[in-house]
Structures are given as structure tokens and as C-alpha cells.
Amino acid sequence: MAIIADRAFTSRSTLQRVEAGDHSVSISIYAAVLHTLGLLEGLGQLADPAKDTVGLALAGEALPKRVHLKRAKD
């Protein structure tokens, strides 16, 4: 644990907070720990909007059911 904390440039107590899922720890600390563990690529996948099935479903429901096209004037 001390080696990972040292390589992530953080303290052991902060690393323990990361392990506990403490939401008050900054995202940069989480990124540093993931980088140290070789798992940083997963962070990008986590924030990928294309993989947010709930968000995509909600956005789809907000779309209008019918589209009315305006007729061009002659």
C-alpha cells in the first residue's frame, strides 16, 4: 500500500479513502491511483456517453414523437 501511495504521489490515508470510495477525494487522485495500477484506460470508458444506456434512453424519450416540416412558400 505504501508503494502504491508513493507512486501515485499521495498519502496512505488518502489511498485508504480511495479504496473506501470516498467521494470527497479529487478525481485527479483517483486517476493517479488508476495510472499506478495500470487501469487508467477504464476511466475514459466510464465517462463515454455512448455507453450510458440510461442517459441515451432518457434522451430518446425527450425527442418529439412527430416532426412537422414547414412547407416552402411558392
PDB file of N, CA and C in Angstrom:
ATOM      1  N   MET A   1       0.825  -1.184   0.000  1.00  0.00           N
ATOM      2  CA  MET A   1       0.000   0.000   0.000  1.00  0.00           C
ATOM      3  C   MET A   1       0.870   1.249   0.000  1.00  0.00           C
ATOM      4  N   ALA A   2       1.951   1.217   0.733  1.00  0.00           N
ATOM      5  CA  ALA A   2       2.850   2.369   0.794  1.00  0.00           C
ATOM      6  C   ALA A   2       3.496   2.629  -0.560  1.00  0.00           C
ATOM      7  N   ILE A   3       3.817   1.569  -1.293  1.00  0.00           N
ATOM      8  CA  ILE A   3       4.450   1.717  -2.610  1.00  0.00           C
ATOM      9  C   ILE A   3       3.459   2.342  -3.601  1.00  0.00           C
ATOM     10  N   ILE A   4       2.220   1.878  -3.589  1.00  0.00           N
ATOM     11  CA  ILE A   4       1.218   2.430  -4.500  1.00  0.00           C
ATOM     12  C   ILE A   4       0.952   3.894  -4.161  1.00  0.00           C
ATOM     13  N   ALA A   5       0.823   4.209  -2.884  1.00  0.00           N
ATOM     14  CA  ALA A   5       0.604   5.597  -2.473  1.00  0.00           C
ATOM     15  C   ALA A   5       1.774   6.472  -2.905  1.00  0.00           C
ATOM     16  N   ASP A   6       2.987   5.965  -2.761  1.00  0.00           N
ATOM     17  CA  ASP A   6       4.172   6.729  -3.153  1.00  0.00           C
ATOM     18  C   ASP A   6       4.195   6.956  -4.668  1.00  0.00           C
ATOM     19  N   ARG A   7       3.901   5.937  -5.435  1.00  0.00           N
ATOM     20  CA  ARG A   7       3.910   6.072  -6.899  1.00  0.00           C
ATOM     21  C   ARG A   7       2.752   6.925  -7.414  1.00  0.00           C
ATOM     22  N   ALA A   8       1.675   7.015  -6.665  1.00  0.00           N
ATOM     23  CA  ALA A   8       0.533   7.850  -7.047  1.00  0.00           C
ATOM     24  C   ALA A   8       0.665   9.263  -6.471  1.00  0.00           C
ATOM     25  N   PHE A   9       1.781   9.537  -5.815  1.00  0.00           N
ATOM     26  CA  PHE A   9       2.061  10.852  -5.222  1.00  0.00           C
ATOM     27  C   PHE A   9       0.973  11.282  -4.240  1.00  0.00           C
ATOM     28  N   THR A  10       0.578  10.348  -3.379  1.00  0.00           N
ATOM     29  CA  THR A  10      -0.423  10.639  -2.369  1.00  0.00           C
ATOM     30  C   THR A  10      -0.043   9.948  -1.069  1.00  0.00           C
ATOM     31  N   SER A  11      -0.824  10.144  -0.048  1.00  0.00           N
ATOM     32  CA  SER A  11      -0.534   9.528   1.248  1.00  0.00           C
ATOM     33  C   SER A  11      -1.293   8.215   1.386  1.00  0.00           C
ATOM     34  N   ARG A  12      -0.877   7.426   2.360  1.00  0.00           N
ATOM     35  CA  ARG A  12      -1.567   6.153   2.597  1.00  0.00           C
ATOM     36  C   ARG A  12      -2.994   6.395   3.055  1.00  0.00           C
ATOM     37  N   SER A  13      -3.214   7.441   3.855  1.00  0.00           N
ATOM     38  CA  SER A  13      -4.572   7.713   4.334  1.00  0.00           C
ATOM     39  C   SER A  13      -5.489   8.098   3.169  1.00  0.00           C
ATOM     40  N   THR A  14      -4.974   8.864   2.211  1.00  0.00           N
ATOM     41  CA  THR A  14      -5.781   9.203   1.038  1.00  0.00           C
ATOM     42  C   THR A  14      -6.046   7.961   0.198  1.00  0.00           C
ATOM     43  N   LEU A  15      -5.062   7.098   0.069  1.00  0.00           N
ATOM     44  CA  LEU A  15      -5.250   5.852  -0.664  1.00  0.00           C
ATOM     45  C   LEU A  15      -6.315   4.990   0.013  1.00  0.00           C
ATOM     46  N   GLN A  16      -6.345   4.969   1.319  1.00  0.00           N
ATOM     47  CA  GLN A  16      -7.379   4.234   2.043  1.00  0.00           C
ATOM     48  C   GLN A  16      -8.756   4.830   1.769  1.00  0.00           C
ATOM     49  N   ARG A  17      -8.816   6.169   1.670  1.00  0.00           N
ATOM     50  CA  ARG A  17     -10.086   6.821   1.339  1.00  0.00           C
ATOM     51  C   ARG A  17     -10.526   6.471  -0.076  1.00  0.00           C
ATOM     52  N   VAL A  18      -9.554   6.361  -1.009  1.00  0.00           N
ATOM     53  CA  VAL A  18      -9.872   5.946  -2.380  1.00  0.00           C
ATOM     54  C   VAL A  18     -10.444   4.532  -2.364  1.00  0.00           C
ATOM     55  N   GLU A  19      -9.815   3.637  -1.632  1.00  0.00           N
ATOM     56  CA  GLU A  19     -10.291   2.255  -1.545  1.00  0.00           C
ATOM     57  C   GLU A  19     -11.691   2.172  -0.951  1.00  0.00           C
ATOM     58  N   ALA A  20     -12.000   3.098  -0.044  1.00  0.00           N
ATOM     59  CA  ALA A  20     -13.322   3.110   0.582  1.00  0.00           C
ATOM     60  C   ALA A  20     -14.367   3.784  -0.296  1.00  0.00           C
ATOM     61  N   GLY A  21     -13.934   4.414  -1.410  1.00  0.00           N
ATOM     62  CA  GLY A  21     -14.879   5.080  -2.305  1.00  0.00           C
ATOM     63  C   GLY A  21     -15.305   6.444  -1.821  1.00  0.00           C
ATOM     64  N   ASP A  22     -14.462   7.094  -1.054  1.00  0.00           N
ATOM     65  CA  ASP A  22     -14.770   8.425  -0.519  1.00  0.00           C
ATOM     66  C   ASP A  22     -14.948   9.418  -1.666  1.00  0.00           C
ATOM     67  N   HIS A  23     -16.129  10.020  -1.757  1.00  0.00           N
ATOM     68  CA  HIS A  23     -16.432  10.940  -2.855  1.00  0.00           C
ATOM     69  C   HIS A  23     -15.771  12.304  -2.703  1.00  0.00           C
ATOM     70  N   SER A  24     -15.187  12.573  -1.544  1.00  0.00           N
ATOM     71  CA  SER A  24     -14.534  13.867  -1.361  1.00  0.00           C
ATOM     72  C   SER A  24     -13.085  13.871  -1.873  1.00  0.00           C
ATOM     73  N   VAL A  25     -12.570  12.705  -2.272  1.00  0.00           N
ATOM     74  CA  VAL A  25     -11.225  12.620  -2.848  1.00  0.00           C
ATOM     75  C   VAL A  25     -11.309  13.126  -4.289  1.00  0.00           C
ATOM     76  N   SER A  26     -10.350  13.945  -4.705  1.00  0.00           N
ATOM     77  CA  SER A  26     -10.410  14.527  -6.048  1.00  0.00           C
ATOM     78  C   SER A  26     -10.212  13.457  -7.117  1.00  0.00           C
ATOM     79  N   ILE A  27     -10.786  13.736  -8.280  1.00  0.00           N
ATOM     80  CA  ILE A  27     -10.705  12.798  -9.404  1.00  0.00           C
ATOM     81  C   ILE A  27      -9.258  12.627  -9.856  1.00  0.00           C
ATOM     82  N   SER A  28      -8.432  13.642  -9.635  1.00  0.00           N
ATOM     83  CA  SER A  28      -7.026  13.519 -10.032  1.00  0.00           C
ATOM     84  C   SER A  28      -6.302  12.468  -9.194  1.00  0.00           C
ATOM     85  N   ILE A  29      -6.678  12.327  -7.944  1.00  0.00           N
ATOM     86  CA  ILE A  29      -6.087  11.283  -7.098  1.00  0.00           C
ATOM     87  C   ILE A  29      -6.533   9.912  -7.583  1.00  0.00           C
ATOM     88  N   TYR A  30      -7.827   9.787  -7.906  1.00  0.00           N
ATOM     89  CA  TYR A  30      -8.320   8.527  -8.456  1.00  0.00           C
ATOM     90  C   TYR A  30      -7.575   8.190  -9.747  1.00  0.00           C
ATOM     91  N   ALA A  31      -7.378   9.191 -10.618  1.00  0.00           N
ATOM     92  CA  ALA A  31      -6.669   8.966 -11.880  1.00  0.00           C
ATOM     93  C   ALA A  31      -5.228   8.547 -11.627  1.00  0.00           C
ATOM     94  N   ALA A  32      -4.570   9.165 -10.659  1.00  0.00           N
ATOM     95  CA  ALA A  32      -3.185   8.811 -10.345  1.00  0.00           C
ATOM     96  C   ALA A  32      -3.087   7.382  -9.833  1.00  0.00           C
ATOM     97  N   VAL A  33      -4.027   6.978  -9.003  1.00  0.00           N
ATOM     98  CA  VAL A  33      -4.027   5.609  -8.481  1.00  0.00           C
ATOM     99  C   VAL A  33      -4.313   4.617  -9.609  1.00  0.00           C
ATOM    100  N   LEU A  34      -5.281   4.929 -10.467  1.00  0.00           N
ATOM    101  CA  LEU A  34      -5.569   4.046 -11.603  1.00  0.00           C
ATOM    102  C   LEU A  34      -4.371   3.937 -12.532  1.00  0.00           C
ATOM    103  N   HIS A  35      -3.682   5.049 -12.757  1.00  0.00           N
ATOM    104  CA  HIS A  35      -2.479   5.026 -13.592  1.00  0.00           C
ATOM    105  C   HIS A  35      -1.401   4.139 -12.968  1.00  0.00           C
ATOM    106  N   THR A  36      -1.225   4.260 -11.674  1.00  0.00           N
ATOM    107  CA  THR A  36      -0.239   3.454 -10.961  1.00  0.00           C
ATOM    108  C   THR A  36      -0.546   1.969 -11.083  1.00  0.00           C
ATOM    109  N   LEU A  37      -1.819   1.635 -11.072  1.00  0.00           N
ATOM    110  CA  LEU A  37      -2.228   0.232 -11.167  1.00  0.00           C
ATOM    111  C   LEU A  37      -2.373  -0.247 -12.609  1.00  0.00           C
ATOM    112  N   GLY A  38      -2.155   0.653 -13.583  1.00  0.00           N
ATOM    113  CA  GLY A  38      -2.273   0.287 -14.985  1.00  0.00           C
ATOM    114  C   GLY A  38      -3.709   0.178 -15.459  1.00  0.00           C
ATOM    115  N   LEU A  39      -4.602   0.884 -14.808  1.00  0.00           N
ATOM    116  CA  LEU A  39      -6.028   0.788 -15.128  1.00  0.00           C
ATOM    117  C   LEU A  39      -6.618   2.117 -15.604  1.00  0.00           C
ATOM    118  N   LEU A  40      -5.795   3.038 -16.031  1.00  0.00           N
ATOM    119  CA  LEU A  40      -6.270   4.381 -16.367  1.00  0.00           C
ATOM    120  C   LEU A  40      -7.205   4.390 -17.572  1.00  0.00           C
ATOM    121  N   GLU A  41      -7.041   3.477 -18.517  1.00  0.00           N
ATOM    122  CA  GLU A  41      -7.902   3.460 -19.702  1.00  0.00           C
ATOM    123  C   GLU A  41      -9.367   3.238 -19.333  1.00  0.00           C
ATOM    124  N   GLY A  42      -9.628   2.564 -18.262  1.00  0.00           N
ATOM    125  CA  GLY A  42     -11.001   2.336 -17.814  1.00  0.00           C
ATOM    126  C   GLY A  42     -11.717   3.611 -17.424  1.00  0.00           C
ATOM    127  N   LEU A  43     -10.973   4.627 -17.011  1.00  0.00           N
ATOM    128  CA  LEU A  43     -11.576   5.895 -16.625  1.00  0.00           C
ATOM    129  C   LEU A  43     -12.222   6.572 -17.824  1.00  0.00           C
ATOM    130  N   GLY A  44     -11.587   6.514 -18.977  1.00  0.00           N
ATOM    131  CA  GLY A  44     -12.161   7.091 -20.187  1.00  0.00           C
ATOM    132  C   GLY A  44     -13.423   6.376 -20.625  1.00  0.00           C
ATOM    133  N   GLN A  45     -13.461   5.084 -20.438  1.00  0.00           N
ATOM    134  CA  GLN A  45     -14.649   4.309 -20.794  1.00  0.00           C
ATOM    135  C   GLN A  45     -15.803   4.617 -19.847  1.00  0.00           C
ATOM    136  N   LEU A  46     -15.476   4.940 -18.622  1.00  0.00           N
ATOM    137  CA  LEU A  46     -16.500   5.260 -17.635  1.00  0.00           C
ATOM    138  C   LEU A  46     -17.260   6.521 -18.020  1.00  0.00           C
ATOM    139  N   ALA A  47     -16.569   7.486 -18.593  1.00  0.00           N
ATOM    140  CA  ALA A  47     -17.185   8.761 -18.949  1.00  0.00           C
ATOM    141  C   ALA A  47     -17.664   8.807 -20.395  1.00  0.00           C
ATOM    142  N   ASP A  48     -17.672   7.697 -21.103  1.00  0.00           N
ATOM    143  CA  ASP A  48     -18.077   7.668 -22.508  1.00  0.00           C
ATOM    144  C   ASP A  48     -19.597   7.761 -22.611  1.00  0.00           C
ATOM    145  N   PRO A  49     -20.127   8.851 -23.193  1.00  0.00           N
ATOM    146  CA  PRO A  49     -21.581   8.988 -23.274  1.00  0.00           C
ATOM    147  C   PRO A  49     -22.248   7.922 -24.137  1.00  0.00           C
ATOM    148  N   ALA A  50     -21.517   7.335 -25.053  1.00  0.00           N
ATOM    149  CA  ALA A  50     -22.092   6.295 -25.905  1.00  0.00           C
ATOM    150  C   ALA A  50     -22.402   5.021 -25.115  1.00  0.00           C
ATOM    151  N   LYS A  51     -21.796   4.856 -23.963  1.00  0.00           N
ATOM    152  CA  LYS A  51     -22.022   3.671 -23.139  1.00  0.00           C
ATOM    153  C   LYS A  51     -23.014   3.925 -22.006  1.00  0.00           C
ATOM    154  N   ASP A  52     -23.570   5.130 -21.960  1.00  0.00           N
ATOM    155  CA  ASP A  52     -24.538   5.496 -20.923  1.00  0.00           C
ATOM    156  C   ASP A  52     -25.932   5.121 -21.406  1.00  0.00           C
ATOM    157  N   THR A  53     -26.339   3.886 -21.173  1.00  0.00           N
ATOM    158  CA  THR A  53     -27.615   3.398 -21.691  1.00  0.00           C
ATOM    159  C   THR A  53     -28.799   4.141 -21.076  1.00  0.00           C
ATOM    160  N   VAL A  54     -28.714   4.478 -19.806  1.00  0.00           N
ATOM    161  CA  VAL A  54     -29.811   5.202 -19.151  1.00  0.00           C
ATOM    162  C   VAL A  54     -29.928   6.607 -19.737  1.00  0.00           C
ATOM    163  N   GLY A  55     -28.790   7.287 -19.888  1.00  0.00           N
ATOM    164  CA  GLY A  55     -28.805   8.634 -20.466  1.00  0.00           C
ATOM    165  C   GLY A  55     -29.316   8.642 -21.896  1.00  0.00           C
ATOM    166  N   LEU A  56     -28.923   7.643 -22.677  1.00  0.00           N
ATOM    167  CA  LEU A  56     -29.403   7.547 -24.052  1.00  0.00           C
ATOM    168  C   LEU A  56     -30.912   7.290 -24.103  1.00  0.00           C
ATOM    169  N   ALA A  57     -31.408   6.462 -23.198  1.00  0.00           N
ATOM    170  CA  ALA A  57     -32.845   6.180 -23.154  1.00  0.00           C
ATOM    171  C   ALA A  57     -33.627   7.430 -22.767  1.00  0.00           C
ATOM    172  N   LEU A  58     -33.141   8.173 -21.789  1.00  0.00           N
ATOM    173  CA  LEU A  58     -33.818   9.405 -21.376  1.00  0.00           C
ATOM    174  C   LEU A  58     -33.792  10.444 -22.491  1.00  0.00           C
ATOM    175  N   ALA A  59     -32.683  10.542 -23.191  1.00  0.00           N
ATOM    176  CA  ALA A  59     -32.585  11.490 -24.304  1.00  0.00           C
ATOM    177  C   ALA A  59     -33.535  11.087 -25.425  1.00  0.00           C
ATOM    178  N   GLY A  60     -33.686   9.797 -25.670  1.00  0.00           N
ATOM    179  CA  GLY A  60     -34.603   9.316 -26.695  1.00  0.00           C
ATOM    180  C   GLY A  60     -36.051   9.613 -26.355  1.00  0.00           C
ATOM    181  N   GLU A  61     -36.389   9.525 -25.079  1.00  0.00           N
ATOM    182  CA  GLU A  61     -37.757   9.824 -24.647  1.00  0.00           C
ATOM    183  C   GLU A  61     -38.075  11.311 -24.787  1.00  0.00           C
ATOM    184  N   ALA A  62     -37.076  12.154 -24.702  1.00  0.00           N
ATOM    185  CA  ALA A  62     -37.285  13.593 -24.794  1.00  0.00           C
ATOM    186  C   ALA A  62     -37.461  14.070 -26.233  1.00  0.00           C
ATOM    187  N   LEU A  63     -37.157  13.211 -27.195  1.00  0.00           N
ATOM    188  CA  LEU A  63     -37.311  13.595 -28.595  1.00  0.00           C
ATOM    189  C   LEU A  63     -38.791  13.713 -28.949  1.00  0.00           C
ATOM    190  N   PRO A  64     -39.130  14.616 -29.852  1.00  0.00           N
ATOM    191  CA  PRO A  64     -40.542  14.725 -30.246  1.00  0.00           C
ATOM    192  C   PRO A  64     -40.998  13.467 -30.979  1.00  0.00           C
ATOM    193  N   LYS A  65     -42.252  13.123 -30.802  1.00  0.00           N
ATOM    194  CA  LYS A  65     -42.796  11.915 -31.425  1.00  0.00           C
ATOM    195  C   LYS A  65     -43.056  12.133 -32.914  1.00  0.00           C
ATOM    196  N   ARG A  66     -43.447  13.342 -33.269  1.00  0.00           N
ATOM    197  CA  ARG A  66     -43.706  13.669 -34.668  1.00  0.00           C
ATOM    198  C   ARG A  66     -42.929  14.929 -35.022  1.00  0.00           C
ATOM    199  N   VAL A  67     -42.526  14.977 -36.241  1.00  0.00           N
ATOM    200  CA  VAL A  67     -41.825  16.149 -36.729  1.00  0.00           C
ATOM    201  C   VAL A  67     -42.696  16.795 -37.791  1.00  0.00           C
ATOM    202  N   HIS A  68     -42.977  18.077 -37.615  1.00  0.00           N
ATOM    203  CA  HIS A  68     -43.776  18.818 -38.586  1.00  0.00           C
ATOM    204  C   HIS A  68     -42.838  19.670 -39.420  1.00  0.00           C
ATOM    205  N   LEU A  69     -42.786  19.377 -40.713  1.00  0.00           N
ATOM    206  CA  LEU A  69     -41.949  20.140 -41.599  1.00  0.00           C
ATOM    207  C   LEU A  69     -42.718  21.353 -42.103  1.00  0.00           C
ATOM    208  N   LYS A  70     -42.036  22.463 -42.153  1.00  0.00           N
ATOM    209  CA  LYS A  70     -42.658  23.672 -42.691  1.00  0.00           C
ATOM    210  C   LYS A  70     -42.647  23.586 -44.202  1.00  0.00           C
ATOM    211  N   ARG A  71     -43.742  23.964 -44.809  1.00  0.00           N
ATOM    212  CA  ARG A  71     -43.845  23.950 -46.270  1.00  0.00           C
ATOM    213  C   ARG A  71     -43.188  25.199 -46.820  1.00  0.00           C
ATOM    214  N   ALA A  72     -42.480  25.004 -47.903  1.00  0.00           N
ATOM    215  CA  ALA A  72     -41.835  26.144 -48.556  1.00  0.00           C
ATOM    216  C   ALA A  72     -42.880  26.983 -49.271  1.00  0.00           C
ATOM    217  N   LYS A  73     -42.765  28.294 -49.189  1.00  0.00           N
ATOM    218  CA  LYS A  73     -43.698  29.195 -49.865  1.00  0.00           C
ATOM    219  C   LYS A  73     -43.319  29.265 -51.333  1.00  0.00           C
ATOM    220  N   ASP A  74     -44.325  29.310 -52.176  1.00  0.00           N
ATOM    221  CA  ASP A  74     -44.089  29.371 -53.621  1.00  0.00           C
ATOM    222  C   ASP A  74     -43.617  30.724 -54.059  1.00  0.00           C
TER     223      ASP A  74
END
